[in-house]
C-alpha atoms as a PDB file:
ATOM      1  CA  MET A   1      86.857  63.472 177.912  1.00  0.00           C
ATOM      2  CA  LYS A   2      85.591  66.567 179.696  1.00  0.00           C
ATOM      3  CA  PRO A   3      82.929  68.717 177.929  1.00  0.00           C
ATOM      4  CA  HIS A   4      85.341  71.628 177.677  1.00  0.00           C
ATOM      5  CA  ALA A   5      87.971  69.468 176.000  1.00  0.00           C
ATOM      6  CA  ARG A   6      85.429  68.018 173.557  1.00  0.00           C
ATOM      7  CA  TRP A   7      84.248  71.530 172.665  1.00  0.00           C
ATOM      8  CA  LEU A   8      87.836  72.669 172.060  1.00  0.00           C
ATOM      9  CA  GLN A   9      88.540  69.628 169.873  1.00  0.00           C
ATOM     10  CA  SER A  10      85.374  70.263 167.859  1.00  0.00           C
ATOM     11  CA  LEU A  11      86.363  73.902 167.377  1.00  0.00           C
ATOM     12  CA  CYS A  12      89.827  72.936 166.121  1.00  0.00           C
ATOM     13  CA  LEU A  13      88.351  70.445 163.644  1.00  0.00           C
ATOM     14  CA  SER A  14      85.892  73.057 162.378  1.00  0.00           C
ATOM     15  CA  LEU A  15      88.652  75.624 161.897  1.00  0.00           C
ATOM     16  CA  ALA A  16      90.833  73.098 160.065  1.00  0.00           C
ATOM     17  CA  LEU A  17      87.942  72.101 157.789  1.00  0.00           C
ATOM     18  CA  GLY A  18      87.127  75.748 157.095  1.00  0.00           C
ATOM     19  CA  ALA A  19      90.734  76.522 156.201  1.00  0.00           C
ATOM     20  CA  ALA A  20      90.852  73.526 153.842  1.00  0.00           C
ATOM     21  CA  LEU A  21      87.648  74.660 152.144  1.00  0.00           C
ATOM     22  CA  LEU A  22      89.020  78.189 151.734  1.00  0.00           C
ATOM     23  CA  ILE A  23      92.228  76.831 150.181  1.00  0.00           C
ATOM     24  CA  ASP A  24      90.234  74.609 147.812  1.00  0.00           C
ATOM     25  CA  PHE A  25      87.989  77.547 146.869  1.00  0.00           C
ATOM     26  CA  ALA A  26      90.974  79.824 146.245  1.00  0.00           C
ATOM     27  CA  SER A  27      92.671  77.151 144.123  1.00  0.00           C
ATOM     28  CA  ALA A  28      89.489  76.564 142.131  1.00  0.00           C
ATOM     29  CA  GLN A  29      89.018  80.309 141.641  1.00  0.00           C
ATOM     30  CA  GLU A  30      92.632  80.715 140.475  1.00  0.00           C
ATOM     31  CA  ALA A  31      92.232  77.795 138.055  1.00  0.00           C
ATOM     32  CA  ALA A  32      88.994  79.278 136.709  1.00  0.00           C
ATOM     33  CA  GLU A  33      90.634  82.669 136.193  1.00  0.00           C
ATOM     34  CA  THR A  34      93.585  81.039 134.407  1.00  0.00           C
ATOM     35  CA  ALA A  35      91.247  79.018 132.189  1.00  0.00           C
ATOM     36  CA  ASP A  36      89.241  82.157 131.372  1.00  0.00           C
ATOM     37  CA  ILE A  37      92.239  84.280 130.421  1.00  0.00           C
ATOM     38  CA  THR A  38      93.542  81.586 128.031  1.00  0.00           C
ATOM     39  CA  ALA A  39      90.132  80.735 126.555  1.00  0.00           C
ATOM     40  CA  VAL A  40      89.979  82.402 123.126  1.00  0.00           C
ATOM     41  CA  ARG A  41      86.485  83.148 121.864  1.00  0.00           C
ATOM     42  CA  GLY A  42      87.242  85.915 119.387  1.00  0.00           C
ATOM     43  CA  PRO A  43      89.543  86.158 116.374  1.00  0.00           C
ATOM     44  CA  ILE A  44      93.312  86.001 116.711  1.00  0.00           C
ATOM     45  CA  THR A  45      94.400  89.260 115.117  1.00  0.00           C
ATOM     46  CA  ALA A  46      98.179  89.048 115.492  1.00  0.00           C
ATOM     47  CA  LEU A  47     100.850  86.354 115.755  1.00  0.00           C
ATOM     48  CA  MET A  48     104.538  86.526 116.540  1.00  0.00           C
ATOM     49  CA  VAL A  49     107.171  83.807 116.632  1.00  0.00           C
ATOM     50  CA  ALA A  50     110.519  84.730 118.169  1.00  0.00           C
ATOM     51  CA  GLU A  51     113.562  83.063 119.586  1.00  0.00           C
ATOM     52  CA  PRO A  52     113.917  83.095 123.380  1.00  0.00           C
ATOM     53  CA  PRO A  53     116.891  84.982 124.859  1.00  0.00           C
ATOM     54  CA  ARG A  54     120.255  83.546 123.872  1.00  0.00           C
ATOM     55  CA  ALA A  55     121.862  81.042 126.207  1.00  0.00           C
ATOM     56  CA  ARG A  56     124.630  82.577 128.316  1.00  0.00           C
ATOM     57  CA  SER A  57     126.767  79.464 128.674  1.00  0.00           C
ATOM     58  CA  ASP A  58     127.702  76.395 126.671  1.00  0.00           C
ATOM     59  CA  ALA A  59     125.768  74.239 129.139  1.00  0.00           C
ATOM     60  CA  ASP A  60     122.618  76.315 128.630  1.00  0.00           C
ATOM     61  CA  GLN A  61     122.948  76.125 124.846  1.00  0.00           C
ATOM     62  CA  GLN A  62     122.410  72.363 125.013  1.00  0.00           C
ATOM     63  CA  VAL A  63     118.898  72.903 126.382  1.00  0.00           C
ATOM     64  CA  GLN A  64     117.975  76.049 124.452  1.00  0.00           C
ATOM     65  CA  PRO A  65     114.148  76.256 124.343  1.00  0.00           C
ATOM     66  CA  PRO A  66     112.297  76.388 121.005  1.00  0.00           C
ATOM     67  CA  PRO A  67     110.965  79.624 119.478  1.00  0.00           C
ATOM     68  CA  MET A  68     108.117  81.225 121.419  1.00  0.00           C
ATOM     69  CA  LEU A  69     104.663  81.755 119.916  1.00  0.00           C
ATOM     70  CA  VAL A  70     102.636  84.741 121.121  1.00  0.00           C
ATOM     71  CA  ALA A  71      99.173  85.682 119.858  1.00  0.00           C
ATOM     72  CA  ALA A  72      96.737  88.536 120.407  1.00  0.00           C
ATOM     73  CA  SER A  73      92.965  88.229 120.649  1.00  0.00           C
ATOM     74  CA  GLU A  74      90.784  91.201 121.555  1.00  0.00           C
ATOM     75  CA  HIS A  75      92.521  92.756 124.611  1.00  0.00           C
ATOM     76  CA  ARG A  76      94.627  89.737 125.582  1.00  0.00           C
ATOM     77  CA  LEU A  77      98.071  88.324 124.912  1.00  0.00           C
ATOM     78  CA  LEU A  78      98.474  84.559 124.892  1.00  0.00           C
ATOM     79  CA  SER A  79     101.608  82.441 124.803  1.00  0.00           C
ATOM     80  CA  TYR A  80     101.416  78.966 123.276  1.00  0.00           C
ATOM     81  CA  ASP A  81     103.329  75.728 123.362  1.00  0.00           C
ATOM     82  CA  ARG A  82     104.801  75.794 119.892  1.00  0.00           C
ATOM     83  CA  ALA A  83     104.608  72.028 119.448  1.00  0.00           C
ATOM     84  CA  THR A  84     101.008  71.454 120.578  1.00  0.00           C
ATOM     85  CA  LEU A  85      99.598  74.980 120.028  1.00  0.00           C
ATOM     86  CA  GLN A  86      97.996  74.774 123.454  1.00  0.00           C
ATOM     87  CA  PRO A  87      97.714  78.072 125.372  1.00  0.00           C
ATOM     88  CA  GLN A  88     100.118  78.280 128.290  1.00  0.00           C
ATOM     89  CA  ARG A  89      99.544  81.756 129.648  1.00  0.00           C
ATOM     90  CA  GLY A  90      97.177  84.687 129.204  1.00  0.00           C
ATOM     91  CA  ILE A  91      97.688  88.359 129.996  1.00  0.00           C
ATOM     92  CA  ALA A  92      94.998  91.040 129.915  1.00  0.00           C
ATOM     93  CA  THR A  93      96.384  94.263 128.439  1.00  0.00           C
ATOM     94  CA  LYS A  94      94.978  97.771 128.880  1.00  0.00           C
ATOM     95  CA  LEU A  95      94.121  97.986 125.168  1.00  0.00           C
ATOM     96  CA  GLU A  96      90.525  97.553 124.017  1.00  0.00           C
ATOM     97  CA  LYS A  97      91.686  95.808 120.834  1.00  0.00           C
ATOM     98  CA  ILE A  98      95.125  94.545 119.805  1.00  0.00           C
ATOM     99  CA  HIS A  99      96.056  94.681 116.126  1.00  0.00           C
ATOM    100  CA  ASP A 100      99.800  94.056 115.932  1.00  0.00           C
ATOM    101  CA  LEU A 101     102.815  92.597 117.732  1.00  0.00           C
ATOM    102  CA  ALA A 102     106.481  93.245 116.952  1.00  0.00           C
ATOM    103  CA  LEU A 103     109.692  92.354 118.758  1.00  0.00           C
ATOM    104  CA  ALA A 104     112.542  94.875 118.742  1.00  0.00           C
ATOM    105  CA  PRO A 105     115.615  93.732 116.772  1.00  0.00           C
ATOM    106  CA  ASP A 106     117.667  93.796 119.978  1.00  0.00           C
ATOM    107  CA  GLY A 107     115.246  91.240 121.463  1.00  0.00           C
ATOM    108  CA  GLU A 108     114.472  93.270 124.586  1.00  0.00           C
ATOM    109  CA  LEU A 109     111.002  94.773 124.078  1.00  0.00           C
ATOM    110  CA  LEU A 110     107.745  93.625 122.511  1.00  0.00           C
ATOM    111  CA  VAL A 111     105.442  96.344 121.194  1.00  0.00           C
ATOM    112  CA  VAL A 112     101.705  95.664 121.417  1.00  0.00           C
ATOM    113  CA  ALA A 113      99.707  97.998 119.153  1.00  0.00           C
ATOM    114  CA  GLY A 114      96.000  98.750 119.263  1.00  0.00           C
ATOM    115  CA  GLY A 115      93.605 101.012 121.108  1.00  0.00           C
ATOM    116  CA  SER A 116      89.982 102.100 120.715  1.00  0.00           C
ATOM    117  CA  PRO A 117      88.550 102.830 117.238  1.00  0.00           C
ATOM    118  CA  ALA A 118      87.938 106.550 116.584  1.00  0.00           C
ATOM    119  CA  GLU A 119      89.109 107.348 120.128  1.00  0.00           C
ATOM    120  CA  SER A 120      92.739 106.496 120.778  1.00  0.00           C
ATOM    121  CA  GLY A 121      95.749 104.708 119.414  1.00  0.00           C
ATOM    122  CA  ALA A 122      98.000 103.167 122.027  1.00  0.00           C
ATOM    123  CA  LEU A 123     101.108 101.046 122.437  1.00  0.00           C
ATOM    124  CA  GLU A 124     102.277  98.863 125.269  1.00  0.00           C
ATOM    125  CA  LEU A 125     105.991  98.131 125.514  1.00  0.00           C
ATOM    126  CA  ARG A 126     106.562  94.824 127.284  1.00  0.00           C
ATOM    127  CA  GLU A 127     109.757  93.169 128.443  1.00  0.00           C
ATOM    128  CA  TRP A 128     110.724  90.079 126.436  1.00  0.00           C
ATOM    129  CA  PRO A 129     110.155  87.256 127.174  1.00  0.00           C
ATOM    130  CA  SER A 130     108.485  87.912 130.549  1.00  0.00           C
ATOM    131  CA  LEU A 131     105.824  90.156 128.907  1.00  0.00           C
ATOM    132  CA  ARG A 132     105.989  92.463 131.931  1.00  0.00           C
ATOM    133  CA  LEU A 133     104.506  95.883 131.134  1.00  0.00           C
ATOM    134  CA  VAL A 134     107.269  98.504 130.929  1.00  0.00           C
ATOM    135  CA  GLN A 135     105.591 101.524 129.366  1.00  0.00           C
ATOM    136  CA  GLU A 136     102.275 102.729 127.904  1.00  0.00           C
ATOM    137  CA  LEU A 137     102.213 105.202 125.011  1.00  0.00           C
ATOM    138  CA  ARG A 138      99.301 107.103 123.485  1.00  0.00           C
ATOM    139  CA  VAL A 139     100.058 107.732 119.810  1.00  0.00           C
ATOM    140  CA  GLY A 140      96.932 109.304 118.313  1.00  0.00           C
ATOM    141  CA  ASP A 141      93.176 109.725 118.120  1.00  0.00           C
ATOM    142  CA  ASP A 142      92.464 106.465 116.303  1.00  0.00           C
ATOM    143  CA  VAL A 143      93.464 102.857 116.736  1.00  0.00           C
ATOM    144  CA  ALA A 144      97.038 101.772 115.914  1.00  0.00           C
ATOM    145  CA  LEU A 145      96.940  99.054 113.241  1.00  0.00           C
ATOM    146  CA  THR A 146     100.659  98.398 112.735  1.00  0.00           C
ATOM    147  CA  ALA A 147     103.844  99.191 114.661  1.00  0.00           C
ATOM    148  CA  ARG A 148     107.371  98.439 113.468  1.00  0.00           C
ATOM    149  CA  TRP A 149     110.748  98.945 115.136  1.00  0.00           C
ATOM    150  CA  SER A 150     113.606 100.717 113.405  1.00  0.00           C
ATOM    151  CA  PRO A 151     116.660  98.525 112.664  1.00  0.00           C
ATOM    152  CA  ASP A 152     118.517  99.956 115.690  1.00  0.00           C
ATOM    153  CA  SER A 153     115.510  99.374 118.020  1.00  0.00           C
ATOM    154  CA  ALA A 154     115.551 103.090 118.914  1.00  0.00           C
ATOM    155  CA  GLN A 155     112.198 104.151 117.470  1.00  0.00           C
ATOM    156  CA  LEU A 156     108.856 102.979 116.110  1.00  0.00           C
ATOM    157  CA  ILE A 157     106.733 103.828 113.102  1.00  0.00           C
ATOM    158  CA  VAL A 158     103.015 103.394 113.788  1.00  0.00           C
ATOM    159  CA  ALA A 159     100.174 103.259 111.223  1.00  0.00           C
ATOM    160  CA  LEU A 160      96.813 104.586 112.434  1.00  0.00           C
ATOM    161  CA  ALA A 161      93.256 104.000 111.233  1.00  0.00           C
ATOM    162  CA  ASN A 162      92.842 107.737 110.567  1.00  0.00           C
ATOM    163  CA  GLY A 163      95.505 107.595 107.833  1.00  0.00           C
ATOM    164  CA  LYS A 164      98.354 109.052 109.860  1.00  0.00           C
ATOM    165  CA  LEU A 165     101.823 107.672 110.551  1.00  0.00           C
ATOM    166  CA  VAL A 166     103.387 108.458 113.915  1.00  0.00           C
ATOM    167  CA  ARG A 167     107.103 108.172 114.676  1.00  0.00           C
ATOM    168  CA  VAL A 168     107.978 107.785 118.355  1.00  0.00           C
ATOM    169  CA  SER A 169     111.196 107.082 120.225  1.00  0.00           C
ATOM    170  CA  ARG A 170     111.714 104.006 122.378  1.00  0.00           C
ATOM    171  CA  ALA A 171     111.403 106.306 125.412  1.00  0.00           C
ATOM    172  CA  GLY A 172     107.989 107.510 124.230  1.00  0.00           C
ATOM    173  CA  LYS A 173     108.921 110.901 122.747  1.00  0.00           C
ATOM    174  CA  LEU A 174     106.870 111.983 119.719  1.00  0.00           C
ATOM    175  CA  LEU A 175     109.284 112.462 116.805  1.00  0.00           C
ATOM    176  CA  GLY A 176     106.773 113.384 114.117  1.00  0.00           C
ATOM    177  CA  THR A 177     103.406 112.783 112.462  1.00  0.00           C
ATOM    178  CA  ILE A 178     102.740 112.226 108.757  1.00  0.00           C
ATOM    179  CA  ASP A 179      99.351 112.740 107.060  1.00  0.00           C
ATOM    180  CA  ALA A 180     100.008 109.708 104.917  1.00  0.00           C
ATOM    181  CA  HIS A 181      96.795 108.285 103.433  1.00  0.00           C
ATOM    182  CA  SER A 182      93.270 109.491 102.632  1.00  0.00           C
ATOM    183  CA  GLY A 183      91.906 106.333 104.257  1.00  0.00           C
ATOM    184  CA  ALA A 184      93.287 104.146 107.014  1.00  0.00           C
ATOM    185  CA  ALA A 185      97.035 103.535 107.032  1.00  0.00           C
ATOM    186  CA  LEU A 186      97.016  99.736 107.163  1.00  0.00           C
ATOM    187  CA  ALA A 187     100.747  98.979 107.218  1.00  0.00           C
ATOM    188  CA  ALA A 188     104.150 100.627 107.611  1.00  0.00           C
ATOM    189  CA  ASP A 189     107.796  99.613 107.898  1.00  0.00           C
ATOM    190  CA  TRP A 190     111.330 100.939 107.599  1.00  0.00           C
ATOM    191  CA  ILE A 191     113.314 100.498 104.371  1.00  0.00           C
ATOM    192  CA  ALA A 192     116.706  99.419 105.683  1.00  0.00           C
ATOM    193  CA  THR A 193     119.248  97.891 103.312  1.00  0.00           C
ATOM    194  CA  ILE A 194     122.705  96.825 104.472  1.00  0.00           C
ATOM    195  CA  ALA A 195     124.102 100.251 103.531  1.00  0.00           C
ATOM    196  CA  GLN A 196     121.384 102.143 105.412  1.00  0.00           C
ATOM    197  CA  ARG A 197     121.500 100.356 108.747  1.00  0.00           C
ATOM    198  CA  GLY A 198     123.845 102.910 110.266  1.00  0.00           C
ATOM    199  CA  THR A 199     121.488 105.833 109.632  1.00  0.00           C
ATOM    200  CA  THR A 200     119.238 107.204 112.366  1.00  0.00           C
ATOM    201  CA  ALA A 201     116.055 107.407 110.295  1.00  0.00           C
ATOM    202  CA  PRO A 202     115.828 105.120 107.253  1.00  0.00           C
ATOM    203  CA  PRO A 203     113.092 105.726 104.668  1.00  0.00           C
ATOM    204  CA  ILE A 204     109.574 104.652 105.635  1.00  0.00           C
ATOM    205  CA  ILE A 205     107.180 102.654 103.448  1.00  0.00           C
ATOM    206  CA  SER A 206     103.445 102.776 104.149  1.00  0.00           C
ATOM    207  CA  ALA A 207     100.304 101.249 102.639  1.00  0.00           C
ATOM    208  CA  GLY A 208      96.685 102.256 102.936  1.00  0.00           C
ATOM    209  CA  ARG A 209      93.027 101.926 102.185  1.00  0.00           C
ATOM    210  CA  ASP A 210      93.488 104.507  99.411  1.00  0.00           C
ATOM    211  CA  GLN A 211      95.081 101.723  97.295  1.00  0.00           C
ATOM    212  CA  SER A 212      98.586 103.188  97.428  1.00  0.00           C
ATOM    213  CA  LEU A 213     102.033 102.563  98.830  1.00  0.00           C
ATOM    214  CA  LYS A 214     104.071 105.632  99.741  1.00  0.00           C
ATOM    215  CA  LEU A 215     107.765 106.120 100.417  1.00  0.00           C
ATOM    216  CA  TRP A 216     108.766 108.776 102.953  1.00  0.00           C
ATOM    217  CA  GLU A 217     112.082 110.318 103.963  1.00  0.00           C
ATOM    218  CA  GLY A 218     112.664 109.045 107.478  1.00  0.00           C
ATOM    219  CA  ALA A 219     113.733 112.253 109.244  1.00  0.00           C
ATOM    220  CA  SER A 220     112.001 115.069 107.327  1.00  0.00           C
ATOM    221  CA  HIS A 221     108.917 112.970 106.436  1.00  0.00           C
ATOM    222  CA  ASP A 222     108.982 114.333 102.877  1.00  0.00           C
ATOM    223  CA  LEU A 223     107.068 112.211 100.363  1.00  0.00           C
ATOM    224  CA  LEU A 224     109.558 110.562  97.992  1.00  0.00           C
ATOM    225  CA  ARG A 225     107.344 108.313  95.852  1.00  0.00           C
ATOM    226  CA  THR A 226     103.773 107.111  95.450  1.00  0.00           C
ATOM    227  CA  LEU A 227     103.161 103.614  94.080  1.00  0.00           C
ATOM    228  CA  ASP A 228      99.534 103.341  92.977  1.00  0.00           C
ATOM    229  CA  GLN A 229      99.213 100.301  90.718  1.00  0.00           C
ATOM    230  CA  HIS A 230      96.920  98.425  93.136  1.00  0.00           C
ATOM    231  CA  THR A 231      93.162  98.701  92.472  1.00  0.00           C
ATOM    232  CA  GLY A 232      92.038  97.764  95.983  1.00  0.00           C
ATOM    233  CA  GLU A 233      93.058  98.623  99.532  1.00  0.00           C
ATOM    234  CA  VAL A 234      96.618  97.557 100.302  1.00  0.00           C
ATOM    235  CA  ARG A 235      96.209  95.327 103.343  1.00  0.00           C
ATOM    236  CA  ALA A 236      99.729  94.331 104.328  1.00  0.00           C
ATOM    237  CA  LEU A 237     103.335  94.532 103.258  1.00  0.00           C
ATOM    238  CA  VAL A 238     106.535  92.731 104.138  1.00  0.00           C
ATOM    239  CA  LEU A 239     110.087  93.987 103.707  1.00  0.00           C
ATOM    240  CA  LEU A 240     112.108  91.085 102.328  1.00  0.00           C
ATOM    241  CA  LYS A 241     115.077  89.935 104.388  1.00  0.00           C
ATOM    242  CA  ASN A 242     118.216  90.189 102.291  1.00  0.00           C
ATOM    243  CA  ALA A 243     119.974  86.831 102.166  1.00  0.00           C
ATOM    244  CA  GLN A 244     123.160  88.289 100.695  1.00  0.00           C
ATOM    245  CA  LYS A 245     126.280  87.701 102.791  1.00  0.00           C
ATOM    246  CA  PRO A 246     128.237  90.827 103.855  1.00  0.00           C
ATOM    247  CA  LEU A 247     131.488  89.579 102.252  1.00  0.00           C
ATOM    248  CA  GLU A 248     129.949  88.943  98.831  1.00  0.00           C
ATOM    249  CA  LYS A 249     131.331  91.336  96.203  1.00  0.00           C
ATOM    250  CA  GLN A 250     128.243  91.489  93.984  1.00  0.00           C
ATOM    251  CA  PRO A 251     126.124  94.668  94.231  1.00  0.00           C
ATOM    252  CA  VAL A 252     123.568  94.824  97.005  1.00  0.00           C
ATOM    253  CA  ARG A 253     120.077  94.152  95.679  1.00  0.00           C
ATOM    254  CA  PRO A 254     117.790  97.196  96.095  1.00  0.00           C
ATOM    255  CA  ALA A 255     115.422  96.976  99.037  1.00  0.00           C
ATOM    256  CA  GLU A 256     112.350  94.950  98.087  1.00  0.00           C
ATOM    257  CA  VAL A 257     108.835  95.024  99.491  1.00  0.00           C
ATOM    258  CA  VAL A 258     105.915  92.691  98.834  1.00  0.00           C
ATOM    259  CA  SER A 259     102.363  94.000  99.120  1.00  0.00           C
ATOM    260  CA  ILE A 260      98.979  92.255  99.142  1.00  0.00           C
ATOM    261  CA  ALA A 261      95.686  93.955  98.376  1.00  0.00           C
ATOM    262  CA  ALA A 262      91.936  93.551  98.042  1.00  0.00           C
ATOM    263  CA  ASP A 263      92.407  93.368  94.253  1.00  0.00           C
ATOM    264  CA  LYS A 264      93.723  89.804  94.888  1.00  0.00           C
ATOM    265  CA  THR A 265      97.214  90.649  93.665  1.00  0.00           C
ATOM    266  CA  VAL A 266     100.630  90.109  95.215  1.00  0.00           C
ATOM    267  CA  ARG A 267     103.166  92.686  94.038  1.00  0.00           C
ATOM    268  CA  LEU A 268     106.953  92.816  94.376  1.00  0.00           C
ATOM    269  CA  TRP A 269     108.414  96.321  94.499  1.00  0.00           C
ATOM    270  CA  GLN A 270     111.763  98.061  94.614  1.00  0.00           C
ATOM    271  CA  PRO A 271     110.310 101.229  96.133  1.00  0.00           C
ATOM    272  CA  THR A 272     113.507 103.285  96.434  1.00  0.00           C
ATOM    273  CA  ILE A 273     113.731 103.354  92.628  1.00  0.00           C
ATOM    274  CA  GLY A 274     109.963 103.327  92.053  1.00  0.00           C
ATOM    275  CA  ARG A 275     109.923  99.982  90.298  1.00  0.00           C
ATOM    276  CA  LEU A 276     107.145  97.394  90.209  1.00  0.00           C
ATOM    277  CA  VAL A 277     109.179  94.246  89.563  1.00  0.00           C
ATOM    278  CA  ARG A 278     106.346  91.771  88.955  1.00  0.00           C
ATOM    279  CA  PHE A 279     102.985  90.648  90.280  1.00  0.00           C
ATOM    280  CA  THR A 280     100.635  87.691  90.325  1.00  0.00           C
ATOM    281  CA  LYS A 281      96.891  87.261  90.804  1.00  0.00           C
ATOM    282  CA  LEU A 282      95.373  84.981  93.442  1.00  0.00           C
ATOM    283  CA  ALA A 283      92.045  83.161  93.403  1.00  0.00           C
ATOM    284  CA  SER A 284      91.043  84.575  96.798  1.00  0.00           C
ATOM    285  CA  ALA A 285      91.603  87.909  98.498  1.00  0.00           C
ATOM    286  CA  PRO A 286      94.771  87.924 100.646  1.00  0.00           C
ATOM    287  CA  LEU A 287      94.718  89.116 104.261  1.00  0.00           C
ATOM    288  CA  ALA A 288      98.128  88.289 105.777  1.00  0.00           C
ATOM    289  CA  ILE A 289     101.647  87.560 104.534  1.00  0.00           C
ATOM    290  CA  CYS A 290     105.066  86.414 105.749  1.00  0.00           C
ATOM    291  CA  GLN A 291     108.384  85.641 104.097  1.00  0.00           C
ATOM    292  CA  LEU A 292     109.679  82.089 104.404  1.00  0.00           C
ATOM    293  CA  GLY A 293     113.113  82.474 105.961  1.00  0.00           C
ATOM    294  CA  THR A 294     115.371  84.436 103.623  1.00  0.00           C
ATOM    295  CA  SER A 295     114.041  82.641 100.553  1.00  0.00           C
ATOM    296  CA  ASP A 296     112.253  84.193  97.585  1.00  0.00           C
ATOM    297  CA  ARG A 297     108.988  82.655  98.712  1.00  0.00           C
ATOM    298  CA  VAL A 298     106.131  84.168 100.683  1.00  0.00           C
ATOM    299  CA  ALA A 299     103.180  82.478 102.374  1.00  0.00           C
ATOM    300  CA  ILE A 300      99.851  84.289 102.128  1.00  0.00           C
ATOM    301  CA  GLY A 301      96.728  83.725 104.208  1.00  0.00           C
ATOM    302  CA  CYS A 302      93.468  84.345 102.352  1.00  0.00           C
ATOM    303  CA  ASP A 303      89.854  85.133 103.182  1.00  0.00           C
ATOM    304  CA  ASP A 304      88.692  81.644 102.149  1.00  0.00           C
ATOM    305  CA  GLY A 305      90.960  79.961 104.721  1.00  0.00           C
ATOM    306  CA  SER A 306      93.638  78.882 102.242  1.00  0.00           C
ATOM    307  CA  VAL A 307      97.390  79.486 102.347  1.00  0.00           C
ATOM    308  CA  VAL A 308      99.109  80.249  99.061  1.00  0.00           C
ATOM    309  CA  VAL A 309     102.879  79.999  98.568  1.00  0.00           C
ATOM    310  CA  VAL A 310     104.266  82.268  95.844  1.00  0.00           C
ATOM    311  CA  ASP A 311     107.749  82.220  94.324  1.00  0.00           C
ATOM    312  CA  LEU A 312     108.518  85.907  93.848  1.00  0.00           C
ATOM    313  CA  ARG A 313     111.178  85.412  91.170  1.00  0.00           C
ATOM    314  CA  THR A 314     108.912  83.445  88.845  1.00  0.00           C
ATOM    315  CA  THR A 315     105.500  84.709  90.120  1.00  0.00           C
ATOM    316  CA  LYS A 316     104.499  81.051  90.159  1.00  0.00           C
ATOM    317  CA  ILE A 317     102.013  79.837  92.765  1.00  0.00           C
ATOM    318  CA  VAL A 318     103.898  76.789  94.010  1.00  0.00           C
ATOM    319  CA  ALA A 319     101.374  75.576  96.588  1.00  0.00           C
ATOM    320  CA  THR A 320      97.816  76.143  97.771  1.00  0.00           C
ATOM    321  CA  LEU A 321      96.748  74.486 101.020  1.00  0.00           C
ATOM    322  CA  ALA A 322      93.387  74.442 102.781  1.00  0.00           C
ATOM    323  CA  ALA A 323      94.100  75.612 106.328  1.00  0.00           C
ATOM    324  CA  LEU A 324      91.120  76.995 108.267  1.00  0.00           C
ATOM    325  CA  GLU A 325      87.377  77.315 108.017  1.00  0.00           C
ATOM    326  CA  GLY A 326      86.975  81.032 107.532  1.00  0.00           C
ATOM    327  CA  PRO A 327      89.447  83.849 106.902  1.00  0.00           C
ATOM    328  CA  ILE A 328      93.082  83.780 107.972  1.00  0.00           C
ATOM    329  CA  PHE A 329      93.778  86.974 109.907  1.00  0.00           C
ATOM    330  CA  SER A 330      97.422  86.339 110.741  1.00  0.00           C
ATOM    331  CA  ILE A 331     100.297  84.151 109.598  1.00  0.00           C
ATOM    332  CA  ALA A 332     103.736  83.690 111.149  1.00  0.00           C
ATOM    333  CA  GLU A 333     106.844  81.910 109.907  1.00  0.00           C
ATOM    334  CA  ILE A 334     108.256  79.100 112.028  1.00  0.00           C
ATOM    335  CA  SER A 335     110.879  78.133 109.445  1.00  0.00           C
ATOM    336  CA  GLU A 336     111.308  78.142 105.668  1.00  0.00           C
ATOM    337  CA  THR A 337     108.956  75.150 105.544  1.00  0.00           C
ATOM    338  CA  HIS A 338     106.490  75.749 108.387  1.00  0.00           C
ATOM    339  CA  VAL A 339     104.016  78.499 109.274  1.00  0.00           C
ATOM    340  CA  VAL A 340     101.308  79.034 111.877  1.00  0.00           C
ATOM    341  CA  VAL A 341      97.994  80.550 110.787  1.00  0.00           C
ATOM    342  CA  ALA A 342      95.226  82.063 112.916  1.00  0.00           C
ATOM    343  CA  GLY A 343      91.560  82.854 112.385  1.00  0.00           C
ATOM    344  CA  ASN A 344      88.203  83.143 114.122  1.00  0.00           C
ATOM    345  CA  ARG A 345      87.301  81.678 117.527  1.00  0.00           C
ATOM    346  CA  GLY A 346      90.932  81.243 118.479  1.00  0.00           C
ATOM    347  CA  MET A 347      91.689  78.830 115.641  1.00  0.00           C
ATOM    348  CA  LEU A 348      95.390  78.061 115.191  1.00  0.00           C
ATOM    349  CA  LYS A 349      97.039  75.597 112.842  1.00  0.00           C
ATOM    350  CA  MET A 350     100.602  74.722 111.876  1.00  0.00           C
ATOM    351  CA  LEU A 351     101.223  73.944 108.211  1.00  0.00           C
ATOM    352  CA  ASP A 352     104.061  72.055 106.558  1.00  0.00           C
ATOM    353  CA  LEU A 353     104.987  73.847 103.325  1.00  0.00           C
ATOM    354  CA  SER A 354     107.909  71.614 102.363  1.00  0.00           C
ATOM    355  CA  PRO A 355     108.058  70.585  98.674  1.00  0.00           C
ATOM    356  CA  ARG A 356     106.668  67.100  99.313  1.00  0.00           C
ATOM    357  CA  ASN A 357     103.424  68.713 100.469  1.00  0.00           C
ATOM    358  CA  GLU A 358     103.068  71.101  97.550  1.00  0.00           C
END
């Protein structure tokens, strides 16, 4: 072989080797970035379980995927395999801290609530289930702790750490601000019974660090009632899903809300008539709550890592299960018998709450 030919062959081999090394480096870098974005080192502060989009054909319905599990930790969103609880995908948001996740009732948009403490409250609206960023909204001068969609998916009520409630439209228009609580507004939701679902602005229920729940007129923002029987900050509330069938002739049960507080109590309210129905005391301070299906039971995550199941009609504690080492910051219902709980250092665990395990 002539020297020129050997030199050309050597050059080609060198170029091929260099290209292979670059490809390997790029693949390794991509894998490292993927591993980093799904590695959870901080607490999981929010969980959401939701059904994927409905199948569009009978053939698709036979392979309908299971409910999707999405979590928030610091500034990131993570999707998990619901069976193994292994992270599948990570997305870095533009929020410094994420505090809440909520899917619109129409199943089209996920709201991600958070921001920077004492600086800004912000929302990201993301397409479901792709999680593609659709819109960014600034909602105040302090971090957003809770965001909830109205029953018609047209607007949001947002609770801020400065005690304010902010009502914004789906398009991002500010609809009003309420000076709601003397401390942080820790939770808020819409009171929407069957009869009220056609209205444009149902009443709003909020809870705060000032130990109170407050009921507000949805459009005018007038204060309707203050419920102040708690003796510690009210940390979370859940509006009970009404299991009554539309064709049943019996009267519709008044809207009911369950609250948990630092006083270690769980309280069942009918806020539209100002009634405290009943309450029960827990051994540990509760931090997170979810309803189990449409049943009269709630599952409560506590600061000692336990999950307590309470029957609201009898106020009986029907089960207490050790779940995590350390506090439970978030809990999400999978079914009437299963929940997922989350805590520090990315800890996730699925619990079976069926009667045989009580």
